Amino acid sequence: MIYTGLVEDQVLFREGMKAIIGTWQDMEVVFESADGYSVLDKLKECAVIPDVMLVDLSLPPDGKTEYSGLHVTRALTSAFPDMKILILSVHEDENFINQLIESGAHGYLVKDSDPQEVQEAIIAVYNKGSYINERTLKALQHKVVKKTKNKWGDVPITRREEEILQLVCKQYTAEEIAQELFISVKTVNGHRNNLLQKTGSRNVTGLVLYAIRNNIVTL
């Protein structure tokens, strides 16, 4: 069972998403909030913490203080590092996409996405740690073109780590990587954790961003 949460201020959209997710097998909405600033307090009272949180990018302010999906992403990443975050937005702006991924989001969907893609995205971030669709990939690659002279610096990555990074970018699970390279899942996770530390990435999606920026992979 994948437990999901919704942070969305538009009642009609939130109720619609709840109804849709409720029809999917092995998936349940266990949390909802109409704003972002009260999410952490509400989660403290939750009997079940969501595995995947769907977060709207545009959310009501906390009084006069802005509190968008970006703020929610940063707060959840800090308080619940194992929680996966999917951004739902009406915006297709590349800067938004890149900034959110750098802040810890595991995937980005526009609100006109097909319900099947939303379901696939939830399953992907839950099982594989990231969801990179064509729109997100284009945003990442476009930013790479703009910043070719400003790579993240030379990071000493071993040949094995590069092999694992390439498979991570293909959205292989740790189990699939272990089978492909004939090593243990524990070894895969060890290399992946080393990559996260070396590259300063928050999660698997951040590793994909690093690999694209540094021409380690071409997707």
C-alpha atoms as a PDB file:
ATOM      1  CA  MET A   1       0.000   0.000   0.000  1.00  0.00           C
ATOM      2  CA  ILE A   2       1.280   3.446  -0.947  1.00  0.00           C
ATOM      3  CA  TYR A   3       0.024   6.119   1.444  1.00  0.00           C
ATOM      4  CA  THR A   4      -0.322   9.521  -0.188  1.00  0.00           C
ATOM      5  CA  GLY A   5      -1.015  13.084   0.938  1.00  0.00           C
ATOM      6  CA  LEU A   6      -2.377  16.176  -0.806  1.00  0.00           C
ATOM      7  CA  VAL A   7      -1.359  19.781  -0.186  1.00  0.00           C
ATOM      8  CA  GLU A   8      -3.758  21.741  -2.381  1.00  0.00           C
ATOM      9  CA  ASP A   9      -5.825  24.861  -1.674  1.00  0.00           C
ATOM     10  CA  GLN A  10      -8.386  24.372  -4.465  1.00  0.00           C
ATOM     11  CA  VAL A  11     -11.113  22.261  -2.897  1.00  0.00           C
ATOM     12  CA  LEU A  12     -12.535  20.959  -6.165  1.00  0.00           C
ATOM     13  CA  PHE A  13      -9.138  19.818  -7.443  1.00  0.00           C
ATOM     14  CA  ARG A  14      -8.196  18.288  -4.087  1.00  0.00           C
ATOM     15  CA  GLU A  15     -11.466  16.371  -3.820  1.00  0.00           C
ATOM     16  CA  GLY A  16     -11.116  15.250  -7.420  1.00  0.00           C
ATOM     17  CA  MET A  17      -7.615  13.915  -6.796  1.00  0.00           C
ATOM     18  CA  LYS A  18      -8.809  12.093  -3.673  1.00  0.00           C
ATOM     19  CA  ALA A  19     -11.596  10.464  -5.646  1.00  0.00           C
ATOM     20  CA  ILE A  20      -9.252   9.420  -8.463  1.00  0.00           C
ATOM     21  CA  ILE A  21      -6.538   8.048  -6.158  1.00  0.00           C
ATOM     22  CA  GLY A  22      -9.233   6.203  -4.225  1.00  0.00           C
ATOM     23  CA  THR A  23      -9.968   4.102  -7.311  1.00  0.00           C
ATOM     24  CA  TRP A  24      -6.355   2.934  -7.699  1.00  0.00           C
ATOM     25  CA  GLN A  25      -5.337  -0.375  -6.240  1.00  0.00           C
ATOM     26  CA  ASP A  26      -2.888  -0.357  -3.325  1.00  0.00           C
ATOM     27  CA  MET A  27      -3.010   3.433  -2.954  1.00  0.00           C
ATOM     28  CA  GLU A  28      -4.766   5.573  -0.339  1.00  0.00           C
ATOM     29  CA  VAL A  29      -4.956   9.260   0.610  1.00  0.00           C
ATOM     30  CA  VAL A  30      -4.203   9.553   4.335  1.00  0.00           C
ATOM     31  CA  PHE A  31      -3.460  13.276   4.594  1.00  0.00           C
ATOM     32  CA  GLU A  32      -4.686  16.550   3.126  1.00  0.00           C
ATOM     33  CA  SER A  33      -4.116  20.231   3.726  1.00  0.00           C
ATOM     34  CA  ALA A  34      -5.446  23.396   2.084  1.00  0.00           C
ATOM     35  CA  ASP A  35      -2.234  25.292   2.858  1.00  0.00           C
ATOM     36  CA  GLY A  36       1.462  24.608   3.226  1.00  0.00           C
ATOM     37  CA  TYR A  37       2.409  26.424   6.399  1.00  0.00           C
ATOM     38  CA  SER A  38       0.399  24.117   8.701  1.00  0.00           C
ATOM     39  CA  VAL A  39       1.521  20.849   7.079  1.00  0.00           C
ATOM     40  CA  LEU A  40       4.233  19.960   9.601  1.00  0.00           C
ATOM     41  CA  ASP A  41       1.940  20.567  12.579  1.00  0.00           C
ATOM     42  CA  LYS A  42      -0.814  18.490  10.981  1.00  0.00           C
ATOM     43  CA  LEU A  43       1.583  15.642  10.240  1.00  0.00           C
ATOM     44  CA  LYS A  44       2.517  15.461  13.932  1.00  0.00           C
ATOM     45  CA  GLU A  45      -1.084  14.411  14.622  1.00  0.00           C
ATOM     46  CA  CYS A  46      -1.222  11.854  11.794  1.00  0.00           C
ATOM     47  CA  ALA A  47      -1.420   8.172  12.656  1.00  0.00           C
ATOM     48  CA  VAL A  48      -0.036   7.350   9.210  1.00  0.00           C
ATOM     49  CA  ILE A  49       2.658   9.463   7.537  1.00  0.00           C
ATOM     50  CA  PRO A  50       2.326   9.638   3.740  1.00  0.00           C
ATOM     51  CA  ASP A  51       4.921   7.874   1.637  1.00  0.00           C
ATOM     52  CA  VAL A  52       4.322  10.299  -1.221  1.00  0.00           C
ATOM     53  CA  MET A  53       3.099  13.887  -0.854  1.00  0.00           C
ATOM     54  CA  LEU A  54       1.530  15.666  -3.829  1.00  0.00           C
ATOM     55  CA  VAL A  55       2.162  19.371  -3.365  1.00  0.00           C
ATOM     56  CA  ASP A  56       0.683  22.291  -5.274  1.00  0.00           C
ATOM     57  CA  LEU A  57       3.259  24.913  -6.223  1.00  0.00           C
ATOM     58  CA  SER A  58       0.942  27.899  -5.628  1.00  0.00           C
ATOM     59  CA  LEU A  59      -0.361  27.919  -2.053  1.00  0.00           C
ATOM     60  CA  PRO A  60      -1.879  30.573   0.275  1.00  0.00           C
ATOM     61  CA  PRO A  61       0.539  32.768   2.263  1.00  0.00           C
ATOM     62  CA  ASP A  62       0.984  32.513   6.018  1.00  0.00           C
ATOM     63  CA  GLY A  63      -0.465  35.919   6.788  1.00  0.00           C
ATOM     64  CA  LYS A  64       1.775  38.257   4.838  1.00  0.00           C
ATOM     65  CA  THR A  65       4.539  35.683   4.447  1.00  0.00           C
ATOM     66  CA  GLU A  66       4.772  33.655   1.257  1.00  0.00           C
ATOM     67  CA  TYR A  67       4.563  29.891   1.729  1.00  0.00           C
ATOM     68  CA  SER A  68       4.595  28.113  -1.600  1.00  0.00           C
ATOM     69  CA  GLY A  69       5.166  24.538  -2.666  1.00  0.00           C
ATOM     70  CA  LEU A  70       8.865  25.322  -2.662  1.00  0.00           C
ATOM     71  CA  HIS A  71       8.711  26.133   1.067  1.00  0.00           C
ATOM     72  CA  VAL A  72       6.720  22.944   1.708  1.00  0.00           C
ATOM     73  CA  THR A  73       9.280  20.909  -0.214  1.00  0.00           C
ATOM     74  CA  ARG A  74      12.163  22.283   1.840  1.00  0.00           C
ATOM     75  CA  ALA A  75      10.291  21.764   5.116  1.00  0.00           C
ATOM     76  CA  LEU A  76       9.255  18.182   4.315  1.00  0.00           C
ATOM     77  CA  THR A  77      12.700  17.260   3.007  1.00  0.00           C
ATOM     78  CA  SER A  78      14.185  18.391   6.305  1.00  0.00           C
ATOM     79  CA  ALA A  79      11.561  16.885   8.633  1.00  0.00           C
ATOM     80  CA  PHE A  80      10.763  13.712   6.681  1.00  0.00           C
ATOM     81  CA  PRO A  81      13.802  12.813   4.529  1.00  0.00           C
ATOM     82  CA  ASP A  82      12.260   9.493   3.435  1.00  0.00           C
ATOM     83  CA  MET A  83       9.057  11.101   2.142  1.00  0.00           C
ATOM     84  CA  LYS A  84       8.772  11.466  -1.625  1.00  0.00           C
ATOM     85  CA  ILE A  85       7.475  14.786  -2.974  1.00  0.00           C
ATOM     86  CA  LEU A  86       5.640  15.256  -6.263  1.00  0.00           C
ATOM     87  CA  ILE A  87       4.935  18.822  -7.327  1.00  0.00           C
ATOM     88  CA  LEU A  88       1.636  19.578  -9.092  1.00  0.00           C
ATOM     89  CA  SER A  89       1.494  22.929 -10.847  1.00  0.00           C
ATOM     90  CA  VAL A  90      -0.143  24.922 -13.619  1.00  0.00           C
ATOM     91  CA  HIS A  91       3.305  26.339 -14.413  1.00  0.00           C
ATOM     92  CA  GLU A  92       5.720  24.834 -16.938  1.00  0.00           C
ATOM     93  CA  ASP A  93       8.501  27.311 -16.182  1.00  0.00           C
ATOM     94  CA  GLU A  94      11.922  25.642 -16.388  1.00  0.00           C
ATOM     95  CA  ASN A  95      13.309  27.705 -13.531  1.00  0.00           C
ATOM     96  CA  PHE A  96      10.535  26.456 -11.216  1.00  0.00           C
ATOM     97  CA  ILE A  97      11.250  22.854 -12.169  1.00  0.00           C
ATOM     98  CA  ASN A  98      14.997  23.129 -11.624  1.00  0.00           C
ATOM     99  CA  GLN A  99      14.670  25.038  -8.365  1.00  0.00           C
ATOM    100  CA  LEU A 100      12.212  22.530  -6.922  1.00  0.00           C
ATOM    101  CA  ILE A 101      14.346  19.537  -7.854  1.00  0.00           C
ATOM    102  CA  GLU A 102      17.412  21.197  -6.349  1.00  0.00           C
ATOM    103  CA  SER A 103      15.359  21.776  -3.173  1.00  0.00           C
ATOM    104  CA  GLY A 104      14.441  18.094  -2.858  1.00  0.00           C
ATOM    105  CA  ALA A 105      11.364  17.411  -5.015  1.00  0.00           C
ATOM    106  CA  HIS A 106      11.355  13.943  -6.576  1.00  0.00           C
ATOM    107  CA  GLY A 107       9.174  14.796  -9.571  1.00  0.00           C
ATOM    108  CA  TYR A 108       7.171  17.544 -11.266  1.00  0.00           C
ATOM    109  CA  LEU A 109       3.777  17.309 -12.982  1.00  0.00           C
ATOM    110  CA  VAL A 110       1.551  19.947 -14.534  1.00  0.00           C
ATOM    111  CA  LYS A 111      -2.085  19.865 -13.511  1.00  0.00           C
ATOM    112  CA  ASP A 112      -3.312  18.951 -16.964  1.00  0.00           C
ATOM    113  CA  SER A 113      -1.451  15.631 -16.744  1.00  0.00           C
ATOM    114  CA  ASP A 114      -3.390  12.488 -17.491  1.00  0.00           C
ATOM    115  CA  PRO A 115      -4.476  10.616 -14.318  1.00  0.00           C
ATOM    116  CA  GLN A 116      -2.552   7.582 -15.524  1.00  0.00           C
ATOM    117  CA  GLU A 117       0.662   9.619 -15.572  1.00  0.00           C
ATOM    118  CA  VAL A 118      -0.007  10.806 -12.019  1.00  0.00           C
ATOM    119  CA  GLN A 119      -0.432   7.188 -10.938  1.00  0.00           C
ATOM    120  CA  GLU A 120       2.771   6.200 -12.732  1.00  0.00           C
ATOM    121  CA  ALA A 121       4.613   9.120 -11.135  1.00  0.00           C
ATOM    122  CA  ILE A 122       3.504   8.170  -7.618  1.00  0.00           C
ATOM    123  CA  ILE A 123       4.596   4.572  -8.136  1.00  0.00           C
ATOM    124  CA  ALA A 124       7.907   5.677  -9.678  1.00  0.00           C
ATOM    125  CA  VAL A 125       8.936   8.008  -6.857  1.00  0.00           C
ATOM    126  CA  TYR A 126       7.835   5.431  -4.270  1.00  0.00           C
ATOM    127  CA  ASN A 127       9.755   2.542  -5.839  1.00  0.00           C
ATOM    128  CA  LYS A 128      12.628   4.278  -7.625  1.00  0.00           C
ATOM    129  CA  GLY A 129      13.030   7.622  -5.870  1.00  0.00           C
ATOM    130  CA  SER A 130      12.351   9.828  -8.876  1.00  0.00           C
ATOM    131  CA  TYR A 131      10.036  10.563 -11.775  1.00  0.00           C
ATOM    132  CA  ILE A 132      11.550  12.331 -14.756  1.00  0.00           C
ATOM    133  CA  ASN A 133       9.070  12.877 -17.581  1.00  0.00           C
ATOM    134  CA  GLU A 134       9.842  14.464 -20.945  1.00  0.00           C
ATOM    135  CA  ARG A 135       8.878  17.966 -19.779  1.00  0.00           C
ATOM    136  CA  THR A 136      11.157  17.809 -16.745  1.00  0.00           C
ATOM    137  CA  LEU A 137      13.994  16.317 -18.763  1.00  0.00           C
ATOM    138  CA  LYS A 138      13.810  19.150 -21.298  1.00  0.00           C
ATOM    139  CA  ALA A 139      13.934  21.696 -18.479  1.00  0.00           C
ATOM    140  CA  LEU A 140      17.016  20.039 -16.999  1.00  0.00           C
ATOM    141  CA  GLN A 141      18.784  19.759 -20.341  1.00  0.00           C
ATOM    142  CA  HIS A 142      17.927  23.336 -21.285  1.00  0.00           C
ATOM    143  CA  LYS A 143      19.477  24.587 -18.080  1.00  0.00           C
ATOM    144  CA  VAL A 144      22.576  22.539 -18.820  1.00  0.00           C
ATOM    145  CA  VAL A 145      22.951  24.363 -22.137  1.00  0.00           C
ATOM    146  CA  LYS A 146      22.643  27.704 -20.370  1.00  0.00           C
ATOM    147  CA  LYS A 147      25.227  26.773 -17.728  1.00  0.00           C
ATOM    148  CA  THR A 148      27.829  24.834 -19.706  1.00  0.00           C
ATOM    149  CA  LYS A 149      30.569  27.063 -18.326  1.00  0.00           C
ATOM    150  CA  ASN A 150      29.441  26.605 -14.734  1.00  0.00           C
ATOM    151  CA  LYS A 151      29.575  22.894 -13.975  1.00  0.00           C
ATOM    152  CA  TRP A 152      29.423  21.735 -10.393  1.00  0.00           C
ATOM    153  CA  GLY A 153      33.150  21.185 -10.224  1.00  0.00           C
ATOM    154  CA  ASP A 154      35.350  18.108 -10.425  1.00  0.00           C
ATOM    155  CA  VAL A 155      34.059  15.342  -8.185  1.00  0.00           C
ATOM    156  CA  PRO A 156      36.158  12.145  -7.927  1.00  0.00           C
ATOM    157  CA  ILE A 157      33.648   9.511  -9.080  1.00  0.00           C
ATOM    158  CA  THR A 158      34.884   5.942  -9.453  1.00  0.00           C
ATOM    159  CA  ARG A 159      34.130   3.816 -12.499  1.00  0.00           C
ATOM    160  CA  ARG A 160      31.695   1.693 -10.473  1.00  0.00           C
ATOM    161  CA  GLU A 161      29.937   4.795  -9.160  1.00  0.00           C
ATOM    162  CA  GLU A 162      29.588   6.081 -12.707  1.00  0.00           C
ATOM    163  CA  GLU A 163      28.053   2.770 -13.785  1.00  0.00           C
ATOM    164  CA  ILE A 164      25.560   2.983 -10.933  1.00  0.00           C
ATOM    165  CA  LEU A 165      24.830   6.634 -11.673  1.00  0.00           C
ATOM    166  CA  GLN A 166      24.047   5.789 -15.294  1.00  0.00           C
ATOM    167  CA  LEU A 167      21.600   3.088 -14.205  1.00  0.00           C
ATOM    168  CA  VAL A 168      20.059   5.402 -11.613  1.00  0.00           C
ATOM    169  CA  CYS A 169      19.393   7.862 -14.438  1.00  0.00           C
ATOM    170  CA  LYS A 170      17.559   5.091 -16.286  1.00  0.00           C
ATOM    171  CA  GLN A 171      15.393   4.804 -13.145  1.00  0.00           C
ATOM    172  CA  TYR A 172      16.592   1.345 -12.180  1.00  0.00           C
ATOM    173  CA  THR A 173      15.805   0.299  -8.630  1.00  0.00           C
ATOM    174  CA  ALA A 174      18.595  -0.775  -6.278  1.00  0.00           C
ATOM    175  CA  GLU A 175      17.552  -4.390  -6.828  1.00  0.00           C
ATOM    176  CA  GLU A 176      17.672  -4.001 -10.622  1.00  0.00           C
ATOM    177  CA  ILE A 177      21.096  -2.327 -10.447  1.00  0.00           C
ATOM    178  CA  ALA A 178      22.390  -5.163  -8.265  1.00  0.00           C
ATOM    179  CA  GLN A 179      21.228  -7.731 -10.803  1.00  0.00           C
ATOM    180  CA  GLU A 180      22.677  -5.777 -13.729  1.00  0.00           C
ATOM    181  CA  LEU A 181      26.117  -5.378 -12.135  1.00  0.00           C
ATOM    182  CA  PHE A 182      26.191  -8.702 -10.223  1.00  0.00           C
ATOM    183  CA  ILE A 183      26.662  -7.038  -6.841  1.00  0.00           C
ATOM    184  CA  SER A 184      24.583  -6.928  -3.658  1.00  0.00           C
ATOM    185  CA  VAL A 185      21.805  -4.441  -2.983  1.00  0.00           C
ATOM    186  CA  LYS A 186      23.758  -3.324   0.100  1.00  0.00           C
ATOM    187  CA  THR A 187      26.731  -2.480  -2.120  1.00  0.00           C
ATOM    188  CA  VAL A 188      24.503  -0.558  -4.522  1.00  0.00           C
ATOM    189  CA  ASN A 189      23.019   1.481  -1.683  1.00  0.00           C
ATOM    190  CA  GLY A 190      26.498   2.164  -0.338  1.00  0.00           C
ATOM    191  CA  HIS A 191      27.684   3.516  -3.690  1.00  0.00           C
ATOM    192  CA  ARG A 192      24.476   5.519  -4.105  1.00  0.00           C
ATOM    193  CA  ASN A 193      24.888   7.119  -0.688  1.00  0.00           C
ATOM    194  CA  ASN A 194      28.491   7.991  -1.554  1.00  0.00           C
ATOM    195  CA  LEU A 195      27.275   9.619  -4.775  1.00  0.00           C
ATOM    196  CA  LEU A 196      24.708  11.673  -2.882  1.00  0.00           C
ATOM    197  CA  GLN A 197      27.414  12.952  -0.533  1.00  0.00           C
ATOM    198  CA  LYS A 198      29.998  13.593  -3.248  1.00  0.00           C
ATOM    199  CA  THR A 199      27.616  15.478  -5.533  1.00  0.00           C
ATOM    200  CA  GLY A 200      25.701  17.290  -2.799  1.00  0.00           C
ATOM    201  CA  SER A 201      22.429  15.859  -4.114  1.00  0.00           C
ATOM    202  CA  ARG A 202      19.382  15.579  -1.893  1.00  0.00           C
ATOM    203  CA  ASN A 203      17.929  12.506  -3.594  1.00  0.00           C
ATOM    204  CA  VAL A 204      17.962  10.343  -6.715  1.00  0.00           C
ATOM    205  CA  THR A 205      16.401  13.092  -8.820  1.00  0.00           C
ATOM    206  CA  GLY A 206      19.243  15.358  -7.772  1.00  0.00           C
ATOM    207  CA  LEU A 207      21.716  12.721  -8.972  1.00  0.00           C
ATOM    208  CA  VAL A 208      20.009  12.743 -12.374  1.00  0.00           C
ATOM    209  CA  LEU A 209      20.359  16.529 -12.474  1.00  0.00           C
ATOM    210  CA  TYR A 210      24.057  16.245 -11.585  1.00  0.00           C
ATOM    211  CA  ALA A 211      24.685  13.588 -14.228  1.00  0.00           C
ATOM    212  CA  ILE A 212      23.016  15.623 -16.976  1.00  0.00           C
ATOM    213  CA  ARG A 213      24.836  18.814 -16.027  1.00  0.00           C
ATOM    214  CA  ASN A 214      28.198  17.082 -16.110  1.00  0.00           C
ATOM    215  CA  ASN A 215      27.588  15.120 -19.309  1.00  0.00           C
ATOM    216  CA  ILE A 216      27.873  11.794 -17.512  1.00  0.00           C
ATOM    217  CA  VAL A 217      24.679  10.625 -19.208  1.00  0.00           C
ATOM    218  CA  THR A 218      22.591  11.672 -22.155  1.00  0.00           C
ATOM    219  CA  LEU A 219      18.942  10.762 -21.720  1.00  0.00           C
END
